[in-house]
C-alpha atoms as a PDB file:
ATOM      1  CA  MET A   1     -24.915 -34.509   4.468  1.00  0.00           C
ATOM      2  CA  THR A   2     -23.815 -30.907   5.137  1.00  0.00           C
ATOM      3  CA  GLN A   3     -20.547 -29.952   4.918  1.00  0.00           C
ATOM      4  CA  THR A   4     -18.540 -27.267   7.421  1.00  0.00           C
ATOM      5  CA  THR A   5     -16.519 -24.562   6.179  1.00  0.00           C
ATOM      6  CA  LEU A   6     -13.233 -25.110   7.902  1.00  0.00           C
ATOM      7  CA  PRO A   7     -11.787 -21.459   8.727  1.00  0.00           C
ATOM      8  CA  PRO A   8      -8.604 -20.629   7.773  1.00  0.00           C
ATOM      9  CA  THR A   9      -5.591 -22.417   9.938  1.00  0.00           C
ATOM     10  CA  PRO A  10      -4.329 -19.888  12.616  1.00  0.00           C
ATOM     11  CA  GLY A  11      -1.011 -18.356  12.501  1.00  0.00           C
ATOM     12  CA  THR A  12      -0.997 -18.836   8.528  1.00  0.00           C
ATOM     13  CA  ALA A  13      -2.212 -15.921   7.094  1.00  0.00           C
ATOM     14  CA  VAL A  14       0.290 -13.911   5.337  1.00  0.00           C
ATOM     15  CA  LEU A  15      -1.933 -11.111   5.937  1.00  0.00           C
ATOM     16  CA  PRO A  16      -3.054 -10.388   9.978  1.00  0.00           C
ATOM     17  CA  PRO A  17      -7.003 -10.581  10.011  1.00  0.00           C
ATOM     18  CA  ALA A  18      -6.471  -7.506  12.164  1.00  0.00           C
ATOM     19  CA  LEU A  19      -5.428  -5.089   9.401  1.00  0.00           C
ATOM     20  CA  ARG A  20      -7.567  -6.784   6.126  1.00  0.00           C
ATOM     21  CA  GLY A  21      -9.875  -3.740   6.509  1.00  0.00           C
ATOM     22  CA  TRP A  22      -7.459  -1.594   7.899  1.00  0.00           C
ATOM     23  CA  LEU A  23      -5.173  -1.777   4.485  1.00  0.00           C
ATOM     24  CA  GLY A  24      -7.573  -2.244   1.923  1.00  0.00           C
ATOM     25  CA  PRO A  25      -8.353   1.507   1.932  1.00  0.00           C
ATOM     26  CA  VAL A  26      -4.602   2.239   2.355  1.00  0.00           C
ATOM     27  CA  ALA A  27      -3.928   0.556  -0.773  1.00  0.00           C
ATOM     28  CA  GLY A  28      -7.241   2.158  -2.697  1.00  0.00           C
ATOM     29  CA  SER A  29      -5.712   5.369  -1.796  1.00  0.00           C
ATOM     30  CA  ALA A  30      -1.803   4.456  -3.005  1.00  0.00           C
ATOM     31  CA  ALA A  31      -3.631   3.055  -6.399  1.00  0.00           C
ATOM     32  CA  SER A  32      -5.363   6.566  -6.865  1.00  0.00           C
ATOM     33  CA  VAL A  33      -1.754   8.697  -6.290  1.00  0.00           C
ATOM     34  CA  VAL A  34      -0.080   6.058  -8.485  1.00  0.00           C
ATOM     35  CA  ALA A  35      -2.780   6.814 -11.435  1.00  0.00           C
ATOM     36  CA  LEU A  36      -3.285  10.585 -10.850  1.00  0.00           C
ATOM     37  CA  LEU A  37       0.772  11.402 -11.238  1.00  0.00           C
ATOM     38  CA  GLY A  38       0.951   9.164 -13.873  1.00  0.00           C
ATOM     39  CA  VAL A  39      -1.577  11.257 -15.971  1.00  0.00           C
ATOM     40  CA  ARG A  40      -0.129  14.528 -14.537  1.00  0.00           C
ATOM     41  CA  TYR A  41       3.499  13.223 -15.817  1.00  0.00           C
ATOM     42  CA  ALA A  42       2.885  11.295 -18.879  1.00  0.00           C
ATOM     43  CA  GLY A  43       5.364  11.636 -21.616  1.00  0.00           C
ATOM     44  CA  GLU A  44       6.996  14.342 -19.868  1.00  0.00           C
ATOM     45  CA  GLY A  45      10.770  14.559 -19.648  1.00  0.00           C
ATOM     46  CA  GLY A  46      11.191  16.996 -16.943  1.00  0.00           C
ATOM     47  CA  PRO A  47      10.755  17.478 -13.328  1.00  0.00           C
ATOM     48  CA  GLY A  48       7.586  19.658 -12.309  1.00  0.00           C
ATOM     49  CA  ARG A  49       7.398  22.233  -9.783  1.00  0.00           C
ATOM     50  CA  ALA A  50       7.385  20.020  -6.630  1.00  0.00           C
ATOM     51  CA  ASP A  51      10.102  17.905  -8.130  1.00  0.00           C
ATOM     52  CA  ALA A  52      12.156  20.824  -8.904  1.00  0.00           C
ATOM     53  CA  ARG A  53      11.847  22.022  -4.778  1.00  0.00           C
ATOM     54  CA  VAL A  54      12.614  19.007  -3.475  1.00  0.00           C
ATOM     55  CA  GLY A  55      14.786  17.952  -5.535  1.00  0.00           C
ATOM     56  CA  ALA A  56      17.294  20.849  -5.044  1.00  0.00           C
ATOM     57  CA  ALA A  57      17.196  20.055  -1.165  1.00  0.00           C
ATOM     58  CA  VAL A  58      18.187  16.285  -1.535  1.00  0.00           C
ATOM     59  CA  GLU A  59      20.467  15.943  -4.999  1.00  0.00           C
ATOM     60  CA  GLY A  60      23.768  16.212  -5.301  1.00  0.00           C
ATOM     61  CA  VAL A  61      24.562  14.863  -1.070  1.00  0.00           C
ATOM     62  CA  ARG A  62      28.127  14.761  -0.321  1.00  0.00           C
ATOM     63  CA  PRO A  63      30.010  12.297   1.842  1.00  0.00           C
ATOM     64  CA  PRO A  64      29.631  10.274   3.939  1.00  0.00           C
ATOM     65  CA  TRP A  65      25.700  10.463   2.641  1.00  0.00           C
ATOM     66  CA  ARG A  66      26.666   9.807  -0.963  1.00  0.00           C
ATOM     67  CA  SER A  67      27.718   6.713   0.436  1.00  0.00           C
ATOM     68  CA  VAL A  68      24.713   5.589   1.829  1.00  0.00           C
ATOM     69  CA  ALA A  69      22.779   6.144  -1.035  1.00  0.00           C
ATOM     70  CA  LEU A  70      24.802   4.181  -3.212  1.00  0.00           C
ATOM     71  CA  LEU A  71      24.748   1.136  -0.753  1.00  0.00           C
ATOM     72  CA  LEU A  72      20.929   1.661  -0.625  1.00  0.00           C
ATOM     73  CA  ASP A  73      20.609   2.009  -4.211  1.00  0.00           C
ATOM     74  CA  SER A  74      22.947  -1.322  -4.918  1.00  0.00           C
ATOM     75  CA  LEU A  75      20.255  -3.355  -3.258  1.00  0.00           C
ATOM     76  CA  GLY A  76      17.484  -2.690  -6.024  1.00  0.00           C
ATOM     77  CA  GLU A  77      19.915  -3.820  -8.373  1.00  0.00           C
ATOM     78  CA  PRO A  78      19.535  -7.142  -9.797  1.00  0.00           C
ATOM     79  CA  VAL A  79      21.957  -8.842  -8.226  1.00  0.00           C
ATOM     80  CA  GLY A  80      21.275  -7.426  -4.490  1.00  0.00           C
ATOM     81  CA  ALA A  81      17.273  -7.739  -4.648  1.00  0.00           C
ATOM     82  CA  THR A  82      17.798 -10.972  -5.797  1.00  0.00           C
ATOM     83  CA  ALA A  83      20.211 -12.188  -2.801  1.00  0.00           C
ATOM     84  CA  LEU A  84      17.579 -10.136  -0.306  1.00  0.00           C
ATOM     85  CA  VAL A  85      14.291 -12.101  -1.741  1.00  0.00           C
ATOM     86  CA  MET A  86      16.435 -15.158  -1.359  1.00  0.00           C
ATOM     87  CA  ALA A  87      17.406 -14.295   1.819  1.00  0.00           C
ATOM     88  CA  VAL A  88      13.318 -13.928   2.754  1.00  0.00           C
ATOM     89  CA  MET A  89      12.447 -17.050   1.143  1.00  0.00           C
ATOM     90  CA  THR A  90      14.977 -18.967   2.567  1.00  0.00           C
ATOM     91  CA  GLY A  91      14.465 -18.068   6.135  1.00  0.00           C
ATOM     92  CA  CYS A  92       9.975 -18.689   6.096  1.00  0.00           C
ATOM     93  CA  LEU A  93      11.045 -22.105   4.180  1.00  0.00           C
ATOM     94  CA  LEU A  94      13.266 -23.168   7.423  1.00  0.00           C
ATOM     95  CA  LEU A  95      10.452 -21.864   9.938  1.00  0.00           C
ATOM     96  CA  ARG A  96       8.031 -23.884   7.725  1.00  0.00           C
ATOM     97  CA  ARG A  97       6.217 -21.133   6.623  1.00  0.00           C
ATOM     98  CA  PRO A  98       5.797 -22.570   2.487  1.00  0.00           C
ATOM     99  CA  ARG A  99       3.223 -19.320   2.051  1.00  0.00           C
ATOM    100  CA  ALA A 100       5.107 -17.099   3.461  1.00  0.00           C
ATOM    101  CA  ALA A 101       7.819 -18.172   0.914  1.00  0.00           C
ATOM    102  CA  VAL A 102       5.133 -17.601  -2.126  1.00  0.00           C
ATOM    103  CA  PHE A 103       4.149 -14.641  -0.769  1.00  0.00           C
ATOM    104  CA  THR A 104       7.190 -12.725  -0.772  1.00  0.00           C
ATOM    105  CA  VAL A 105       8.117 -13.981  -4.058  1.00  0.00           C
ATOM    106  CA  ALA A 106       4.735 -13.460  -5.452  1.00  0.00           C
ATOM    107  CA  ALA A 107       4.617  -9.359  -3.603  1.00  0.00           C
ATOM    108  CA  VAL A 108       8.017  -8.805  -4.708  1.00  0.00           C
ATOM    109  CA  GLY A 109       7.403  -9.772  -8.055  1.00  0.00           C
ATOM    110  CA  ALA A 110       3.909  -8.007  -9.274  1.00  0.00           C
ATOM    111  CA  THR A 111       5.211  -4.956  -7.780  1.00  0.00           C
ATOM    112  CA  VAL A 112       8.221  -5.022  -9.939  1.00  0.00           C
ATOM    113  CA  GLY A 113       6.552  -6.406 -12.649  1.00  0.00           C
ATOM    114  CA  ALA A 114       3.683  -3.460 -12.057  1.00  0.00           C
ATOM    115  CA  ALA A 115       6.356  -0.384 -11.907  1.00  0.00           C
ATOM    116  CA  THR A 116       7.841  -2.136 -15.245  1.00  0.00           C
ATOM    117  CA  LEU A 117       4.699  -1.778 -17.092  1.00  0.00           C
ATOM    118  CA  LEU A 118       3.815   1.361 -15.716  1.00  0.00           C
ATOM    119  CA  LYS A 119       7.397   2.697 -16.830  1.00  0.00           C
ATOM    120  CA  HIS A 120       6.459   2.049 -20.279  1.00  0.00           C
ATOM    121  CA  LEU A 121       2.543   3.158 -20.435  1.00  0.00           C
ATOM    122  CA  VAL A 122       3.174   6.390 -18.532  1.00  0.00           C
ATOM    123  CA  GLY A 123       6.366   7.171 -21.188  1.00  0.00           C
ATOM    124  CA  ARG A 124       8.062  10.093 -18.213  1.00  0.00           C
ATOM    125  CA  THR A 125      11.636  10.191 -18.843  1.00  0.00           C
ATOM    126  CA  ILE A 126      14.839  11.382 -17.338  1.00  0.00           C
ATOM    127  CA  HIS A 127      18.802  12.248 -18.442  1.00  0.00           C
ATOM    128  CA  GLY A 128      17.294  11.710 -21.953  1.00  0.00           C
ATOM    129  CA  GLU A 129      15.457   8.724 -22.941  1.00  0.00           C
ATOM    130  CA  ASN A 130      15.757   6.533 -19.625  1.00  0.00           C
ATOM    131  CA  LEU A 131      12.285   5.777 -18.462  1.00  0.00           C
ATOM    132  CA  SER A 132      12.253   7.565 -15.067  1.00  0.00           C
ATOM    133  CA  TYR A 133       7.939   6.813 -13.652  1.00  0.00           C
ATOM    134  CA  PRO A 134       7.820   5.366 -11.542  1.00  0.00           C
ATOM    135  CA  SER A 135      11.144   4.256  -9.536  1.00  0.00           C
ATOM    136  CA  GLY A 136      11.404   0.467  -9.578  1.00  0.00           C
ATOM    137  CA  HIS A 137      14.069   0.749  -6.800  1.00  0.00           C
ATOM    138  CA  THR A 138      11.911   2.085  -4.396  1.00  0.00           C
ATOM    139  CA  ALA A 139       9.043  -0.045  -5.543  1.00  0.00           C
ATOM    140  CA  PHE A 140      10.916  -3.023  -4.970  1.00  0.00           C
ATOM    141  CA  ALA A 141      12.517  -1.569  -1.395  1.00  0.00           C
ATOM    142  CA  THR A 142       9.231  -0.823   0.181  1.00  0.00           C
ATOM    143  CA  SER A 143       7.419  -4.118  -1.378  1.00  0.00           C
ATOM    144  CA  LEU A 144      10.164  -6.222   0.417  1.00  0.00           C
ATOM    145  CA  ALA A 145      10.157  -3.998   3.258  1.00  0.00           C
ATOM    146  CA  LEU A 146       6.602  -4.554   3.542  1.00  0.00           C
ATOM    147  CA  THR A 147       6.197  -8.018   2.996  1.00  0.00           C
ATOM    148  CA  VAL A 148       8.909  -9.009   6.297  1.00  0.00           C
ATOM    149  CA  ALA A 149       6.704  -6.533   8.449  1.00  0.00           C
ATOM    150  CA  LEU A 150       3.326  -8.222   7.380  1.00  0.00           C
ATOM    151  CA  LEU A 151       5.392 -11.914   8.197  1.00  0.00           C
ATOM    152  CA  ALA A 152       6.984 -10.614  11.002  1.00  0.00           C
ATOM    153  CA  THR A 153       3.514  -9.637  12.464  1.00  0.00           C
ATOM    154  CA  GLY A 154       1.491 -12.034  11.271  1.00  0.00           C
ATOM    155  CA  ARG A 155       3.695 -14.825  12.842  1.00  0.00           C
ATOM    156  CA  PRO A 156       1.858 -17.596  14.295  1.00  0.00           C
ATOM    157  CA  GLY A 157      -0.151 -16.653  17.900  1.00  0.00           C
ATOM    158  CA  GLN A 158       0.189 -12.963  16.793  1.00  0.00           C
ATOM    159  CA  ASP A 159      -3.226 -10.832  16.153  1.00  0.00           C
ATOM    160  CA  GLY A 160      -4.845  -8.339  18.069  1.00  0.00           C
ATOM    161  CA  HIS A 161      -6.026  -4.616  17.745  1.00  0.00           C
ATOM    162  CA  PRO A 162      -4.174  -3.036  14.256  1.00  0.00           C
ATOM    163  CA  SER A 163      -2.413  -0.519  16.285  1.00  0.00           C
ATOM    164  CA  ARG A 164       0.001  -3.601  17.596  1.00  0.00           C
ATOM    165  CA  TYR A 165       1.352  -3.790  14.298  1.00  0.00           C
ATOM    166  CA  GLY A 166       2.296   0.033  13.653  1.00  0.00           C
ATOM    167  CA  PHE A 167       5.449   0.048  14.607  1.00  0.00           C
ATOM    168  CA  GLY A 168       6.831  -3.032  12.111  1.00  0.00           C
ATOM    169  CA  LEU A 169       5.050  -1.228   9.254  1.00  0.00           C
ATOM    170  CA  ALA A 170       6.278   1.964   9.785  1.00  0.00           C
ATOM    171  CA  ALA A 171       9.455   1.040   9.873  1.00  0.00           C
ATOM    172  CA  ALA A 172       8.930  -1.026   6.577  1.00  0.00           C
ATOM    173  CA  LEU A 173       7.553   2.223   5.273  1.00  0.00           C
ATOM    174  CA  VAL A 174      10.564   4.240   6.362  1.00  0.00           C
ATOM    175  CA  ALA A 175      12.789   1.564   4.429  1.00  0.00           C
ATOM    176  CA  GLY A 176      11.135   1.894   1.028  1.00  0.00           C
ATOM    177  CA  ALA A 177      11.022   6.096   1.928  1.00  0.00           C
ATOM    178  CA  ALA A 178      14.826   5.568   2.471  1.00  0.00           C
ATOM    179  CA  MET A 179      15.135   3.790  -1.123  1.00  0.00           C
ATOM    180  CA  GLY A 180      13.127   6.829  -2.762  1.00  0.00           C
ATOM    181  CA  TRP A 181      15.520   9.231  -0.877  1.00  0.00           C
ATOM    182  CA  ALA A 182      18.462   7.465  -2.385  1.00  0.00           C
ATOM    183  CA  GLN A 183      17.073   7.582  -5.878  1.00  0.00           C
ATOM    184  CA  VAL A 184      16.258  11.371  -5.968  1.00  0.00           C
ATOM    185  CA  ALA A 185      19.769  12.240  -3.924  1.00  0.00           C
ATOM    186  CA  LEU A 186      21.533  10.439  -6.627  1.00  0.00           C
ATOM    187  CA  GLY A 187      19.812  11.811  -9.478  1.00  0.00           C
ATOM    188  CA  ALA A 188      18.584   8.928 -10.608  1.00  0.00           C
ATOM    189  CA  HIS A 189      14.582   9.845 -10.277  1.00  0.00           C
ATOM    190  CA  TYR A 190      12.206  12.811  -9.532  1.00  0.00           C
ATOM    191  CA  PRO A 191      10.738  13.188  -6.350  1.00  0.00           C
ATOM    192  CA  THR A 192       7.449  12.301  -7.481  1.00  0.00           C
ATOM    193  CA  ASP A 193       8.806   8.783  -9.372  1.00  0.00           C
ATOM    194  CA  ALA A 194       9.971   7.980  -5.474  1.00  0.00           C
ATOM    195  CA  LEU A 195       6.459   8.654  -4.338  1.00  0.00           C
ATOM    196  CA  ALA A 196       4.993   6.384  -7.401  1.00  0.00           C
ATOM    197  CA  GLY A 197       7.522   3.452  -6.403  1.00  0.00           C
ATOM    198  CA  TRP A 198       6.459   4.052  -2.694  1.00  0.00           C
ATOM    199  CA  CYS A 199       2.639   3.867  -3.850  1.00  0.00           C
ATOM    200  CA  THR A 200       2.753   1.358  -6.007  1.00  0.00           C
ATOM    201  CA  ALA A 201       4.100  -1.515  -3.224  1.00  0.00           C
ATOM    202  CA  LEU A 202       1.261  -0.100  -0.981  1.00  0.00           C
ATOM    203  CA  ALA A 203      -1.221  -0.733  -3.532  1.00  0.00           C
ATOM    204  CA  LEU A 204      -0.210  -3.987  -4.452  1.00  0.00           C
ATOM    205  CA  VAL A 205       1.820  -6.131  -1.625  1.00  0.00           C
ATOM    206  CA  PRO A 206      -1.876  -5.833   0.440  1.00  0.00           C
ATOM    207  CA  VAL A 207      -3.805  -6.986  -2.439  1.00  0.00           C
ATOM    208  CA  THR A 208      -0.974 -10.032  -3.219  1.00  0.00           C
ATOM    209  CA  ALA A 209      -1.335 -11.119   0.466  1.00  0.00           C
ATOM    210  CA  TRP A 210      -5.385 -11.394   0.526  1.00  0.00           C
ATOM    211  CA  LEU A 211      -4.722 -13.657  -2.839  1.00  0.00           C
ATOM    212  CA  VAL A 212      -2.220 -15.915  -1.773  1.00  0.00           C
ATOM    213  CA  ASP A 213      -4.191 -16.398   2.047  1.00  0.00           C
ATOM    214  CA  ARG A 214      -7.517 -16.777  -0.427  1.00  0.00           C
ATOM    215  CA  THR A 215      -6.187 -19.360  -2.612  1.00  0.00           C
ATOM    216  CA  ALA A 216      -3.983 -21.244  -0.112  1.00  0.00           C
ATOM    217  CA  ASP A 217      -7.228 -21.133   2.080  1.00  0.00           C
ATOM    218  CA  ARG A 218      -9.381 -22.794  -0.609  1.00  0.00           C
ATOM    219  CA  ARG A 219      -7.002 -25.567  -1.581  1.00  0.00           C
ATOM    220  CA  ALA A 220      -6.773 -26.001   2.482  1.00  0.00           C
ATOM    221  CA  ARG A 221     -10.591 -26.477   2.291  1.00  0.00           C
ATOM    222  CA  ARG A 222     -10.518 -28.862  -0.753  1.00  0.00           C
ATOM    223  CA  ARG A 223      -8.118 -31.384   0.541  1.00  0.00           C
ATOM    224  CA  ALA A 224      -9.945 -31.397   4.010  1.00  0.00           C
ATOM    225  CA  ASP A 225     -13.365 -31.621   2.141  1.00  0.00           C
ATOM    226  CA  ALA A 226     -11.813 -35.039   0.261  1.00  0.00           C
ATOM    227  CA  GLY A 227     -10.323 -36.651   3.312  1.00  0.00           C
ATOM    228  CA  ARG A 228     -13.416 -36.424   4.392  1.00  0.00           C
ATOM    229  CA  GLN A 229     -15.134 -38.382   1.297  1.00  0.00           C
ATOM    230  CA  PRO A 230     -16.324 -42.028   1.966  1.00  0.00           C
ATOM    231  CA  GLY A 231     -13.808 -45.004   0.671  1.00  0.00           C
ATOM    232  CA  ARG A 232     -10.803 -42.063   1.748  1.00  0.00           C
END
């Protein structure tokens, strides 16, 4: 008897089908930026030429903008970051989207974990021996914002041309860029650290979404096939 391959259940994918082919090249390009900058600044302990120019224009902001930068920075600290992730995950569970909850934790965890690993591999420092490349705060903020944007645009009943999702994704990228600005303004990171943190999230969130969808769809097919076996 020929088994029928079941398609993914509509509305359950965390990566909207219309965006899969579009975000693949974005993820690849972002990964290339992270790798190239990592090689360029490996083992260094000071700003590059671009860092010096951008940093001179951004660092040392005064109130009220310094207060804004401090607020954003606090959201990337362990307590603030955990609270944000838990809030998104709880919302997913209340909306009965367990796959989305798993994706939230996996995407943010993979991004922050990769940023931490890269810090030790690249070995770039700031203010003495503080590892700086890439910015973990920026990677976290971008990954969470992009995750929320994908979940919002990929909710049940929504699909279509990638341009439909442009506004939500752009807002997510702006949120990540805002955290990067805060890190540079407070002197915690070089501008290229923030750019690398931003790109780390762009590289890993779409890949994580694809893996979560693929794993969940395989499990769903196996359960469906087992339910159709004789004697069940």
